[in-house]
Structure formats: structure tokens, C-alpha cells
């Protein structure tokens, strides 16, 4: 019998492979590097893109995602917030592709 944790890990790996393939089809050779933070999502640096992008991965049921995207679009041009480049829906997740902004996240310890 497969344990629940083993099954979760397997599904996570399949999801990451699917996302990586979708991003490779769009940008060519890329490498996803997991970033820290993100209690309700996963964030990856999409190494190999120009400009350097971050892929924020959220479940489609997360209603706050579009509020965040709309707020970031309103602040576009401020130079402080990342520019949203695209939204991709794959299976049951949404990928928000945005500029990488160097700095530290606000989530501590």
C-alpha cells in the first residue's frame, strides 16, 4: 500500500514536471529553482528567461490570486512591484509569471 505522503510527493513531482514542460515550450531551456516563502503557494525562479521571471503556482480554487494580479497590474510602472507577464492554467493550478525582484520576502521564521 502506498502511503499518503508518498502519493503527495509523486503528485507534486508530476505537477512540477508538467509545469516545467509548459515553460520550456514557451521559453526554451529553463530551470525551476524553488524560492522560500509562500505559505499558500509555490514560487520558483525561472532560470533561463530574460527578463528573469518568477512562477507563482497557486491552486485554481484560490480566489485571492486574481485580486493580487489586479493589484499588481494597477501598481505597474511604480518600479516597486513586479510586472505580470502572463497567467497560465494547467490542470488544477494557475501559474502567475512575473518579474523577479531582488530582495527578501516578508515572511519570517
PDB file of N, CA and C in Angstrom:
ATOM      1  N   UNK A   1       0.840  -1.183   0.000  1.00  0.00           N
ATOM      2  CA  UNK A   1       0.000   0.000   0.000  1.00  0.00           C
ATOM      3  C   UNK A   1       0.889   1.252   0.000  1.00  0.00           C
ATOM      4  N   UNK A   2       0.546   2.213  -0.843  1.00  0.00           N
ATOM      5  CA  UNK A   2       1.303   3.456  -0.946  1.00  0.00           C
ATOM      6  C   UNK A   2       0.842   4.402   0.161  1.00  0.00           C
ATOM      7  N   UNK A   3       1.804   4.971   0.875  1.00  0.00           N
ATOM      8  CA  UNK A   3       1.439   5.901   1.946  1.00  0.00           C
ATOM      9  C   UNK A   3       0.940   7.216   1.355  1.00  0.00           C
ATOM     10  N   UNK A   4       0.201   7.966   2.152  1.00  0.00           N
ATOM     11  CA  UNK A   4      -0.329   9.256   1.708  1.00  0.00           C
ATOM     12  C   UNK A   4       0.810  10.202   1.356  1.00  0.00           C
ATOM     13  N   UNK A   5       1.862  10.231   2.167  1.00  0.00           N
ATOM     14  CA  UNK A   5       2.991  11.125   1.893  1.00  0.00           C
ATOM     15  C   UNK A   5       3.683  10.766   0.592  1.00  0.00           C
ATOM     16  N   UNK A   6       3.843   9.479   0.329  1.00  0.00           N
ATOM     17  CA  UNK A   6       4.470   9.042  -0.917  1.00  0.00           C
ATOM     18  C   UNK A   6       3.628   9.473  -2.110  1.00  0.00           C
ATOM     19  N   UNK A   7       2.332   9.356  -2.000  1.00  0.00           N
ATOM     20  CA  UNK A   7       1.433   9.759  -3.082  1.00  0.00           C
ATOM     21  C   UNK A   7       1.472  11.276  -3.284  1.00  0.00           C
ATOM     22  N   UNK A   8       1.533  12.039  -2.214  1.00  0.00           N
ATOM     23  CA  UNK A   8       1.622  13.500  -2.330  1.00  0.00           C
ATOM     24  C   UNK A   8       2.916  13.909  -3.025  1.00  0.00           C
ATOM     25  N   UNK A   9       4.001  13.257  -2.674  1.00  0.00           N
ATOM     26  CA  UNK A   9       5.293  13.548  -3.298  1.00  0.00           C
ATOM     27  C   UNK A   9       5.237  13.212  -4.781  1.00  0.00           C
ATOM     28  N   UNK A  10       4.638  12.085  -5.120  1.00  0.00           N
ATOM     29  CA  UNK A  10       4.524  11.678  -6.526  1.00  0.00           C
ATOM     30  C   UNK A  10       3.709  12.708  -7.315  1.00  0.00           C
ATOM     31  N   UNK A  11       2.575  13.131  -6.768  1.00  0.00           N
ATOM     32  CA  UNK A  11       1.732  14.120  -7.450  1.00  0.00           C
ATOM     33  C   UNK A  11       2.454  15.457  -7.594  1.00  0.00           C
ATOM     34  N   UNK A  12       3.206  15.846  -6.569  1.00  0.00           N
ATOM     35  CA  UNK A  12       3.987  17.087  -6.616  1.00  0.00           C
ATOM     36  C   UNK A  12       5.009  17.017  -7.751  1.00  0.00           C
ATOM     37  N   UNK A  13       5.718  15.902  -7.840  1.00  0.00           N
ATOM     38  CA  UNK A  13       6.733  15.748  -8.890  1.00  0.00           C
ATOM     39  C   UNK A  13       6.102  15.792 -10.275  1.00  0.00           C
ATOM     40  N   UNK A  14       4.961  15.137 -10.445  1.00  0.00           N
ATOM     41  CA  UNK A  14       4.271  15.142 -11.732  1.00  0.00           C
ATOM     42  C   UNK A  14       3.843  16.563 -12.091  1.00  0.00           C
ATOM     43  N   UNK A  15       3.310  17.296 -11.113  1.00  0.00           N
ATOM     44  CA  UNK A  15       2.878  18.669 -11.348  1.00  0.00           C
ATOM     45  C   UNK A  15       4.063  19.542 -11.770  1.00  0.00           C
ATOM     46  N   UNK A  16       5.189  19.420 -11.069  1.00  0.00           N
ATOM     47  CA  UNK A  16       6.369  20.227 -11.394  1.00  0.00           C
ATOM     48  C   UNK A  16       6.889  19.876 -12.788  1.00  0.00           C
ATOM     49  N   UNK A  17       6.878  18.599 -13.142  1.00  0.00           N
ATOM     50  CA  UNK A  17       7.314  18.189 -14.483  1.00  0.00           C
ATOM     51  C   UNK A  17       6.407  18.793 -15.552  1.00  0.00           C
ATOM     52  N   UNK A  18       5.105  18.765 -15.308  1.00  0.00           N
ATOM     53  CA  UNK A  18       4.152  19.324 -16.265  1.00  0.00           C
ATOM     54  C   UNK A  18       4.360  20.832 -16.422  1.00  0.00           C
ATOM     55  N   UNK A  19       4.568  21.521 -15.324  1.00  0.00           N
ATOM     56  CA  UNK A  19       4.798  22.967 -15.358  1.00  0.00           C
ATOM     57  C   UNK A  19       6.108  23.279 -16.071  1.00  0.00           C
ATOM     58  N   UNK A  20       7.152  22.517 -15.761  1.00  0.00           N
ATOM     59  CA  UNK A  20       8.452  22.721 -16.406  1.00  0.00           C
ATOM     60  C   UNK A  20       8.337  22.541 -17.913  1.00  0.00           C
ATOM     61  N   UNK A  21       7.628  21.501 -18.357  1.00  0.00           N
ATOM     62  CA  UNK A  21       7.467  21.260 -19.795  1.00  0.00           C
ATOM     63  C   UNK A  21       6.709  22.404 -20.466  1.00  0.00           C
ATOM     64  N   UNK A  22       5.685  22.913 -19.800  1.00  0.00           N
ATOM     65  CA  UNK A  22       4.914  24.033 -20.350  1.00  0.00           C
ATOM     66  C   UNK A  22       5.805  25.276 -20.482  1.00  0.00           C
ATOM     67  N   UNK A  23       6.629  25.538 -19.468  1.00  0.00           N
ATOM     68  CA  UNK A  23       7.515  26.703 -19.516  1.00  0.00           C
ATOM     69  C   UNK A  23       8.634  26.514 -20.536  1.00  0.00           C
ATOM     70  N   UNK A  24       9.136  25.284 -20.682  1.00  0.00           N
ATOM     71  CA  UNK A  24      10.162  25.013 -21.700  1.00  0.00           C
ATOM     72  C   UNK A  24       9.599  25.229 -23.100  1.00  0.00           C
ATOM     73  N   UNK A  25       8.351  24.832 -23.314  1.00  0.00           N
ATOM     74  CA  UNK A  25       7.728  25.025 -24.622  1.00  0.00           C
ATOM     75  C   UNK A  25       7.618  26.511 -24.954  1.00  0.00           C
ATOM     76  N   UNK A  26       7.471  27.315 -23.941  1.00  0.00           N
ATOM     77  CA  UNK A  26       7.312  28.752 -24.160  1.00  0.00           C
ATOM     78  C   UNK A  26       8.634  29.506 -24.217  1.00  0.00           C
ATOM     79  N   UNK A  27       9.582  29.158 -23.318  1.00  0.00           N
ATOM     80  CA  UNK A  27      10.809  29.943 -23.177  1.00  0.00           C
ATOM     81  C   UNK A  27      12.071  29.220 -23.631  1.00  0.00           C
ATOM     82  N   UNK A  28      11.982  27.959 -23.977  1.00  0.00           N
ATOM     83  CA  UNK A  28      13.178  27.195 -24.300  1.00  0.00           C
ATOM     84  C   UNK A  28      13.748  26.562 -23.046  1.00  0.00           C
ATOM     85  N   UNK A  29      15.056  26.453 -22.994  1.00  0.00           N
ATOM     86  CA  UNK A  29      15.702  25.787 -21.860  1.00  0.00           C
ATOM     87  C   UNK A  29      15.562  26.638 -20.598  1.00  0.00           C
ATOM     88  N   UNK A  30      14.838  26.110 -19.623  1.00  0.00           N
ATOM     89  CA  UNK A  30      14.672  26.789 -18.338  1.00  0.00           C
ATOM     90  C   UNK A  30      14.905  25.801 -17.211  1.00  0.00           C
ATOM     91  N   UNK A  31      15.182  26.346 -16.056  1.00  0.00           N
ATOM     92  CA  UNK A  31      15.370  25.546 -14.850  1.00  0.00           C
ATOM     93  C   UNK A  31      14.564  26.205 -13.736  1.00  0.00           C
ATOM     94  N   UNK A  32      13.748  25.420 -13.038  1.00  0.00           N
ATOM     95  CA  UNK A  32      12.965  25.958 -11.928  1.00  0.00           C
ATOM     96  C   UNK A  32      13.740  25.803 -10.636  1.00  0.00           C
ATOM     97  N   UNK A  33      13.911  26.912  -9.913  1.00  0.00           N
ATOM     98  CA  UNK A  33      14.607  26.910  -8.625  1.00  0.00           C
ATOM     99  C   UNK A  33      13.603  27.352  -7.565  1.00  0.00           C
ATOM    100  N   UNK A  34      13.344  26.486  -6.605  1.00  0.00           N
ATOM    101  CA  UNK A  34      12.346  26.756  -5.553  1.00  0.00           C
ATOM    102  C   UNK A  34      12.804  27.931  -4.698  1.00  0.00           C
ATOM    103  N   UNK A  35      11.905  28.892  -4.492  1.00  0.00           N
ATOM    104  CA  UNK A  35      12.164  30.037  -3.627  1.00  0.00           C
ATOM    105  C   UNK A  35      11.473  29.819  -2.286  1.00  0.00           C
ATOM    106  N   UNK A  36      12.000  30.444  -1.241  1.00  0.00           N
ATOM    107  CA  UNK A  36      11.405  30.305   0.085  1.00  0.00           C
ATOM    108  C   UNK A  36      10.194  31.217   0.212  1.00  0.00           C
ATOM    109  N   UNK A  37       9.422  30.999   1.254  1.00  0.00           N
ATOM    110  CA  UNK A  37       8.214  31.783   1.473  1.00  0.00           C
ATOM    111  C   UNK A  37       7.032  31.104   0.812  1.00  0.00           C
ATOM    112  N   UNK A  38       5.962  31.825   0.693  1.00  0.00           N
ATOM    113  CA  UNK A  38       4.791  31.291   0.016  1.00  0.00           C
ATOM    114  C   UNK A  38       4.056  30.240   0.818  1.00  0.00           C
ATOM    115  N   UNK A  39       3.340  30.670   1.836  1.00  0.00           N
ATOM    116  CA  UNK A  39       2.606  29.709   2.660  1.00  0.00           C
ATOM    117  C   UNK A  39       1.431  29.096   1.919  1.00  0.00           C
ATOM    118  N   UNK A  40       0.831  29.820   0.990  1.00  0.00           N
ATOM    119  CA  UNK A  40      -0.347  29.325   0.282  1.00  0.00           C
ATOM    120  C   UNK A  40      -0.068  29.035  -1.184  1.00  0.00           C
ATOM    121  N   UNK A  41       1.188  29.061  -1.569  1.00  0.00           N
ATOM    122  CA  UNK A  41       1.543  28.831  -2.965  1.00  0.00           C
ATOM    123  C   UNK A  41       2.968  28.313  -3.042  1.00  0.00           C
ATOM    124  N   UNK A  42       3.386  27.989  -4.242  1.00  0.00           N
ATOM    125  CA  UNK A  42       4.781  27.635  -4.513  1.00  0.00           C
ATOM    126  C   UNK A  42       5.351  28.720  -5.413  1.00  0.00           C
ATOM    127  N   UNK A  43       6.592  29.107  -5.184  1.00  0.00           N
ATOM    128  CA  UNK A  43       7.233  30.081  -6.055  1.00  0.00           C
ATOM    129  C   UNK A  43       8.572  29.529  -6.524  1.00  0.00           C
ATOM    130  N   UNK A  44       8.831  29.733  -7.813  1.00  0.00           N
ATOM    131  CA  UNK A  44      10.056  29.254  -8.432  1.00  0.00           C
ATOM    132  C   UNK A  44      10.688  30.368  -9.248  1.00  0.00           C
ATOM    133  N   UNK A  45      11.993  30.483  -9.168  1.00  0.00           N
ATOM    134  CA  UNK A  45      12.746  31.320 -10.077  1.00  0.00           C
ATOM    135  C   UNK A  45      12.825  30.546 -11.383  1.00  0.00           C
ATOM    136  N   UNK A  46      12.491  31.195 -12.495  1.00  0.00           N
ATOM    137  CA  UNK A  46      12.537  30.534 -13.800  1.00  0.00           C
ATOM    138  C   UNK A  46      13.857  30.931 -14.448  1.00  0.00           C
ATOM    139  N   UNK A  47      14.889  30.188 -14.108  1.00  0.00           N
ATOM    140  CA  UNK A  47      16.237  30.468 -14.597  1.00  0.00           C
ATOM    141  C   UNK A  47      16.298  30.180 -16.094  1.00  0.00           C
ATOM    142  N   UNK A  48      16.843  31.117 -16.848  1.00  0.00           N
ATOM    143  CA  UNK A  48      16.961  30.961 -18.291  1.00  0.00           C
ATOM    144  C   UNK A  48      16.031  31.888 -19.060  1.00  0.00           C
ATOM    145  N   UNK A  49      15.251  32.707 -18.346  1.00  0.00           N
ATOM    146  CA  UNK A  49      14.372  33.668 -19.008  1.00  0.00           C
ATOM    147  C   UNK A  49      15.018  35.048 -18.979  1.00  0.00           C
ATOM    148  N   UNK A  50      14.623  35.884 -19.927  1.00  0.00           N
ATOM    149  CA  UNK A  50      15.099  37.255 -19.973  1.00  0.00           C
ATOM    150  C   UNK A  50      13.921  38.150 -20.327  1.00  0.00           C
ATOM    151  N   UNK A  51      13.423  38.956 -19.387  1.00  0.00           N
ATOM    152  CA  UNK A  51      13.942  39.182 -18.045  1.00  0.00           C
ATOM    153  C   UNK A  51      13.732  37.953 -17.163  1.00  0.00           C
ATOM    154  N   UNK A  52      14.464  37.923 -16.073  1.00  0.00           N
ATOM    155  CA  UNK A  52      14.353  36.832 -15.114  1.00  0.00           C
ATOM    156  C   UNK A  52      12.950  36.843 -14.519  1.00  0.00           C
ATOM    157  N   UNK A  53      12.290  35.681 -14.559  1.00  0.00           N
ATOM    158  CA  UNK A  53      10.907  35.593 -14.104  1.00  0.00           C
ATOM    159  C   UNK A  53      10.760  34.708 -12.879  1.00  0.00           C
ATOM    160  N   UNK A  54       9.659  34.922 -12.186  1.00  0.00           N
ATOM    161  CA  UNK A  54       9.231  34.065 -11.087  1.00  0.00           C
ATOM    162  C   UNK A  54       7.904  33.445 -11.505  1.00  0.00           C
ATOM    163  N   UNK A  55       7.764  32.156 -11.249  1.00  0.00           N
ATOM    164  CA  UNK A  55       6.497  31.468 -11.473  1.00  0.00           C
ATOM    165  C   UNK A  55       5.863  31.220 -10.114  1.00  0.00           C
ATOM    166  N   UNK A  56       4.727  31.850  -9.892  1.00  0.00           N
ATOM    167  CA  UNK A  56       3.971  31.639  -8.658  1.00  0.00           C
ATOM    168  C   UNK A  56       2.863  30.652  -8.995  1.00  0.00           C
ATOM    169  N   UNK A  57       2.823  29.554  -8.275  1.00  0.00           N
ATOM    170  CA  UNK A  57       1.891  28.480  -8.583  1.00  0.00           C
ATOM    171  C   UNK A  57       0.859  28.387  -7.468  1.00  0.00           C
ATOM    172  N   UNK A  58      -0.396  28.546  -7.844  1.00  0.00           N
ATOM    173  CA  UNK A  58      -1.490  28.505  -6.872  1.00  0.00           C
ATOM    174  C   UNK A  58      -2.582  27.576  -7.383  1.00  0.00           C
ATOM    175  N   UNK A  59      -3.354  27.047  -6.474  1.00  0.00           N
ATOM    176  CA  UNK A  59      -4.481  26.201  -6.847  1.00  0.00           C
ATOM    177  C   UNK A  59      -5.571  27.088  -7.443  1.00  0.00           C
ATOM    178  N   UNK A  60      -6.261  26.587  -8.445  1.00  0.00           N
ATOM    179  CA  UNK A  60      -7.295  27.379  -9.108  1.00  0.00           C
ATOM    180  C   UNK A  60      -8.415  27.814  -8.169  1.00  0.00           C
ATOM    181  N   UNK A  61      -8.585  27.116  -7.064  1.00  0.00           N
ATOM    182  CA  UNK A  61      -9.638  27.494  -6.120  1.00  0.00           C
ATOM    183  C   UNK A  61      -9.242  28.692  -5.256  1.00  0.00           C
ATOM    184  N   UNK A  62      -7.987  29.116  -5.323  1.00  0.00           N
ATOM    185  CA  UNK A  62      -7.529  30.262  -4.533  1.00  0.00           C
ATOM    186  C   UNK A  62      -8.056  31.548  -5.175  1.00  0.00           C
ATOM    187  N   UNK A  63      -9.105  32.101  -4.591  1.00  0.00           N
ATOM    188  CA  UNK A  63      -9.759  33.280  -5.155  1.00  0.00           C
ATOM    189  C   UNK A  63      -8.931  34.550  -5.006  1.00  0.00           C
ATOM    190  N   UNK A  64      -7.978  34.568  -4.102  1.00  0.00           N
ATOM    191  CA  UNK A  64      -7.165  35.763  -3.881  1.00  0.00           C
ATOM    192  C   UNK A  64      -6.168  36.024  -5.003  1.00  0.00           C
ATOM    193  N   UNK A  65      -5.897  35.019  -5.810  1.00  0.00           N
ATOM    194  CA  UNK A  65      -4.884  35.156  -6.855  1.00  0.00           C
ATOM    195  C   UNK A  65      -5.214  36.286  -7.821  1.00  0.00           C
ATOM    196  N   UNK A  66      -6.437  36.324  -8.318  1.00  0.00           N
ATOM    197  CA  UNK A  66      -6.791  37.358  -9.286  1.00  0.00           C
ATOM    198  C   UNK A  66      -6.830  38.741  -8.637  1.00  0.00           C
ATOM    199  N   UNK A  67      -7.177  38.819  -7.355  1.00  0.00           N
ATOM    200  CA  UNK A  67      -7.099  40.104  -6.649  1.00  0.00           C
ATOM    201  C   UNK A  67      -5.658  40.597  -6.616  1.00  0.00           C
ATOM    202  N   UNK A  68      -4.732  39.683  -6.325  1.00  0.00           N
ATOM    203  CA  UNK A  68      -3.311  40.048  -6.294  1.00  0.00           C
ATOM    204  C   UNK A  68      -2.838  40.498  -7.666  1.00  0.00           C
ATOM    205  N   UNK A  69      -3.206  39.753  -8.705  1.00  0.00           N
ATOM    206  CA  UNK A  69      -2.807  40.104 -10.068  1.00  0.00           C
ATOM    207  C   UNK A  69      -3.356  41.482 -10.439  1.00  0.00           C
ATOM    208  N   UNK A  70      -4.615  41.737 -10.127  1.00  0.00           N
ATOM    209  CA  UNK A  70      -5.216  43.044 -10.439  1.00  0.00           C
ATOM    210  C   UNK A  70      -4.513  44.175  -9.696  1.00  0.00           C
ATOM    211  N   UNK A  71      -4.176  43.959  -8.434  1.00  0.00           N
ATOM    212  CA  UNK A  71      -3.450  44.979  -7.660  1.00  0.00           C
ATOM    213  C   UNK A  71      -2.070  45.243  -8.253  1.00  0.00           C
ATOM    214  N   UNK A  72      -1.362  44.182  -8.612  1.00  0.00           N
ATOM    215  CA  UNK A  72      -0.033  44.357  -9.206  1.00  0.00           C
ATOM    216  C   UNK A  72      -0.126  45.084 -10.544  1.00  0.00           C
ATOM    217  N   UNK A  73      -1.160  44.783 -11.324  1.00  0.00           N
ATOM    218  CA  UNK A  73      -1.342  45.491 -12.595  1.00  0.00           C
ATOM    219  C   UNK A  73      -1.626  46.972 -12.374  1.00  0.00           C
ATOM    220  N   UNK A  74      -2.393  47.302 -11.333  1.00  0.00           N
ATOM    221  CA  UNK A  74      -2.655  48.709 -11.018  1.00  0.00           C
ATOM    222  C   UNK A  74      -1.378  49.447 -10.628  1.00  0.00           C
ATOM    223  N   UNK A  75      -0.474  48.744  -9.958  1.00  0.00           N
ATOM    224  CA  UNK A  75       0.774  49.355  -9.496  1.00  0.00           C
ATOM    225  C   UNK A  75       1.897  49.275 -10.527  1.00  0.00           C
ATOM    226  N   UNK A  76       1.607  48.668 -11.675  1.00  0.00           N
ATOM    227  CA  UNK A  76       2.621  48.542 -12.719  1.00  0.00           C
ATOM    228  C   UNK A  76       3.126  49.931 -13.096  1.00  0.00           C
ATOM    229  N   UNK A  77       4.409  50.044 -13.231  1.00  0.00           N
ATOM    230  CA  UNK A  77       5.018  51.333 -13.543  1.00  0.00           C
ATOM    231  C   UNK A  77       5.557  52.042 -12.318  1.00  0.00           C
ATOM    232  N   UNK A  78       5.225  51.534 -11.135  1.00  0.00           N
ATOM    233  CA  UNK A  78       5.732  52.152  -9.903  1.00  0.00           C
ATOM    234  C   UNK A  78       7.212  51.846  -9.703  1.00  0.00           C
ATOM    235  N   UNK A  79       7.680  50.766 -10.346  1.00  0.00           N
ATOM    236  CA  UNK A  79       9.067  50.348 -10.176  1.00  0.00           C
ATOM    237  C   UNK A  79       9.299  49.536  -8.919  1.00  0.00           C
ATOM    238  N   UNK A  80       8.272  49.391  -8.116  1.00  0.00           N
ATOM    239  CA  UNK A  80       8.402  48.679  -6.845  1.00  0.00           C
ATOM    240  C   UNK A  80       7.850  47.263  -6.939  1.00  0.00           C
ATOM    241  N   UNK A  81       6.796  47.094  -7.697  1.00  0.00           N
ATOM    242  CA  UNK A  81       6.138  45.792  -7.789  1.00  0.00           C
ATOM    243  C   UNK A  81       6.528  45.086  -9.083  1.00  0.00           C
ATOM    244  N   UNK A  82       6.467  43.763  -9.080  1.00  0.00           N
ATOM    245  CA  UNK A  82       6.801  43.029 -10.303  1.00  0.00           C
ATOM    246  C   UNK A  82       5.734  43.230 -11.380  1.00  0.00           C
ATOM    247  N   UNK A  83       6.167  43.160 -12.619  1.00  0.00           N
ATOM    248  CA  UNK A  83       5.251  43.222 -13.757  1.00  0.00           C
ATOM    249  C   UNK A  83       4.739  41.810 -14.016  1.00  0.00           C
ATOM    250  N   UNK A  84       3.430  41.671 -14.178  1.00  0.00           N
ATOM    251  CA  UNK A  84       2.828  40.385 -14.516  1.00  0.00           C
ATOM    252  C   UNK A  84       2.994  40.187 -16.020  1.00  0.00           C
ATOM    253  N   UNK A  85       3.619  39.081 -16.415  1.00  0.00           N
ATOM    254  CA  UNK A  85       3.831  38.795 -17.829  1.00  0.00           C
ATOM    255  C   UNK A  85       2.757  37.895 -18.410  1.00  0.00           C
ATOM    256  N   UNK A  86       2.240  36.965 -17.609  1.00  0.00           N
ATOM    257  CA  UNK A  86       1.229  36.052 -18.141  1.00  0.00           C
ATOM    258  C   UNK A  86       0.610  35.235 -17.021  1.00  0.00           C
ATOM    259  N   UNK A  87      -0.545  34.677 -17.312  1.00  0.00           N
ATOM    260  CA  UNK A  87      -1.222  33.719 -16.445  1.00  0.00           C
ATOM    261  C   UNK A  87      -1.443  32.458 -17.267  1.00  0.00           C
ATOM    262  N   UNK A  88      -1.050  31.327 -16.725  1.00  0.00           N
ATOM    263  CA  UNK A  88      -1.233  30.044 -17.401  1.00  0.00           C
ATOM    264  C   UNK A  88      -1.995  29.106 -16.481  1.00  0.00           C
ATOM    265  N   UNK A  89      -3.034  28.469 -17.012  1.00  0.00           N
ATOM    266  CA  UNK A  89      -3.766  27.466 -16.245  1.00  0.00           C
ATOM    267  C   UNK A  89      -3.383  26.091 -16.763  1.00  0.00           C
ATOM    268  N   UNK A  90      -2.906  25.253 -15.847  1.00  0.00           N
ATOM    269  CA  UNK A  90      -2.519  23.882 -16.173  1.00  0.00           C
ATOM    270  C   UNK A  90      -3.195  22.976 -15.159  1.00  0.00           C
ATOM    271  N   UNK A  91      -3.985  22.046 -15.652  1.00  0.00           N
ATOM    272  CA  UNK A  91      -4.703  21.113 -14.780  1.00  0.00           C
ATOM    273  C   UNK A  91      -5.465  21.901 -13.725  1.00  0.00           C
ATOM    274  N   UNK A  92      -5.096  21.755 -12.470  1.00  0.00           N
ATOM    275  CA  UNK A  92      -5.827  22.420 -11.388  1.00  0.00           C
ATOM    276  C   UNK A  92      -5.030  23.555 -10.751  1.00  0.00           C
ATOM    277  N   UNK A  93      -3.997  24.053 -11.452  1.00  0.00           N
ATOM    278  CA  UNK A  93      -3.201  25.147 -10.905  1.00  0.00           C
ATOM    279  C   UNK A  93      -3.123  26.311 -11.891  1.00  0.00           C
ATOM    280  N   UNK A  94      -2.886  27.489 -11.343  1.00  0.00           N
ATOM    281  CA  UNK A  94      -2.644  28.690 -12.142  1.00  0.00           C
ATOM    282  C   UNK A  94      -1.206  29.115 -11.897  1.00  0.00           C
ATOM    283  N   UNK A  95      -0.517  29.460 -12.968  1.00  0.00           N
ATOM    284  CA  UNK A  95       0.854  29.948 -12.880  1.00  0.00           C
ATOM    285  C   UNK A  95       0.836  31.435 -13.213  1.00  0.00           C
ATOM    286  N   UNK A  96       1.313  32.230 -12.277  1.00  0.00           N
ATOM    287  CA  UNK A  96       1.441  33.665 -12.499  1.00  0.00           C
ATOM    288  C   UNK A  96       2.915  33.919 -12.795  1.00  0.00           C
ATOM    289  N   UNK A  97       3.199  34.370 -14.008  1.00  0.00           N
ATOM    290  CA  UNK A  97       4.577  34.670 -14.401  1.00  0.00           C
ATOM    291  C   UNK A  97       4.817  36.159 -14.222  1.00  0.00           C
ATOM    292  N   UNK A  98       5.785  36.481 -13.378  1.00  0.00           N
ATOM    293  CA  UNK A  98       6.064  37.886 -13.069  1.00  0.00           C
ATOM    294  C   UNK A  98       7.561  38.123 -13.001  1.00  0.00           C
ATOM    295  N   UNK A  99       7.930  39.415 -13.087  1.00  0.00           N
ATOM    296  CA  UNK A  99       9.336  39.793 -12.953  1.00  0.00           C
ATOM    297  C   UNK A  99       9.892  39.321 -11.619  1.00  0.00           C
ATOM    298  N   UNK A 100      11.160  38.962 -11.637  1.00  0.00           N
ATOM    299  CA  UNK A 100      11.879  38.686 -10.395  1.00  0.00           C
ATOM    300  C   UNK A 100      12.337  40.018  -9.825  1.00  0.00           C
ATOM    301  N   UNK A 101      12.050  40.249  -8.566  1.00  0.00           N
ATOM    302  CA  UNK A 101      12.526  41.441  -7.863  1.00  0.00           C
ATOM    303  C   UNK A 101      13.475  40.982  -6.768  1.00  0.00           C
ATOM    304  N   UNK A 102      14.711  41.423  -6.834  1.00  0.00           N
ATOM    305  CA  UNK A 102      15.704  41.034  -5.838  1.00  0.00           C
ATOM    306  C   UNK A 102      15.350  41.646  -4.490  1.00  0.00           C
ATOM    307  N   UNK A 103      15.488  40.868  -3.446  1.00  0.00           N
ATOM    308  CA  UNK A 103      15.193  41.362  -2.108  1.00  0.00           C
ATOM    309  C   UNK A 103      14.885  40.209  -1.177  1.00  0.00           C
ATOM    310  N   UNK A 104      14.243  40.517  -0.070  1.00  0.00           N
ATOM    311  CA  UNK A 104      13.869  39.478   0.887  1.00  0.00           C
ATOM    312  C   UNK A 104      12.351  39.452   1.002  1.00  0.00           C
ATOM    313  N   UNK A 105      11.830  38.275   1.301  1.00  0.00           N
ATOM    314  CA  UNK A 105      10.386  38.176   1.472  1.00  0.00           C
ATOM    315  C   UNK A 105      10.010  38.614   2.879  1.00  0.00           C
ATOM    316  N   UNK A 106       8.759  38.941   3.067  1.00  0.00           N
ATOM    317  CA  UNK A 106       8.295  39.445   4.353  1.00  0.00           C
ATOM    318  C   UNK A 106       7.890  38.367   5.338  1.00  0.00           C
ATOM    319  N   UNK A 107       8.067  37.106   4.965  1.00  0.00           N
ATOM    320  CA  UNK A 107       7.694  36.014   5.859  1.00  0.00           C
ATOM    321  C   UNK A 107       8.923  35.566   6.623  1.00  0.00           C
ATOM    322  N   UNK A 108       8.837  35.636   7.893  1.00  0.00           N
ATOM    323  CA  UNK A 108       9.993  35.307   8.730  1.00  0.00           C
ATOM    324  C   UNK A 108       9.755  34.030   9.507  1.00  0.00           C
ATOM    325  N   UNK A 109      10.786  33.312   9.698  1.00  0.00           N
ATOM    326  CA  UNK A 109      10.888  32.165  10.588  1.00  0.00           C
ATOM    327  C   UNK A 109       9.708  31.257  10.499  1.00  0.00           C
TER     328      UNK A 109
END
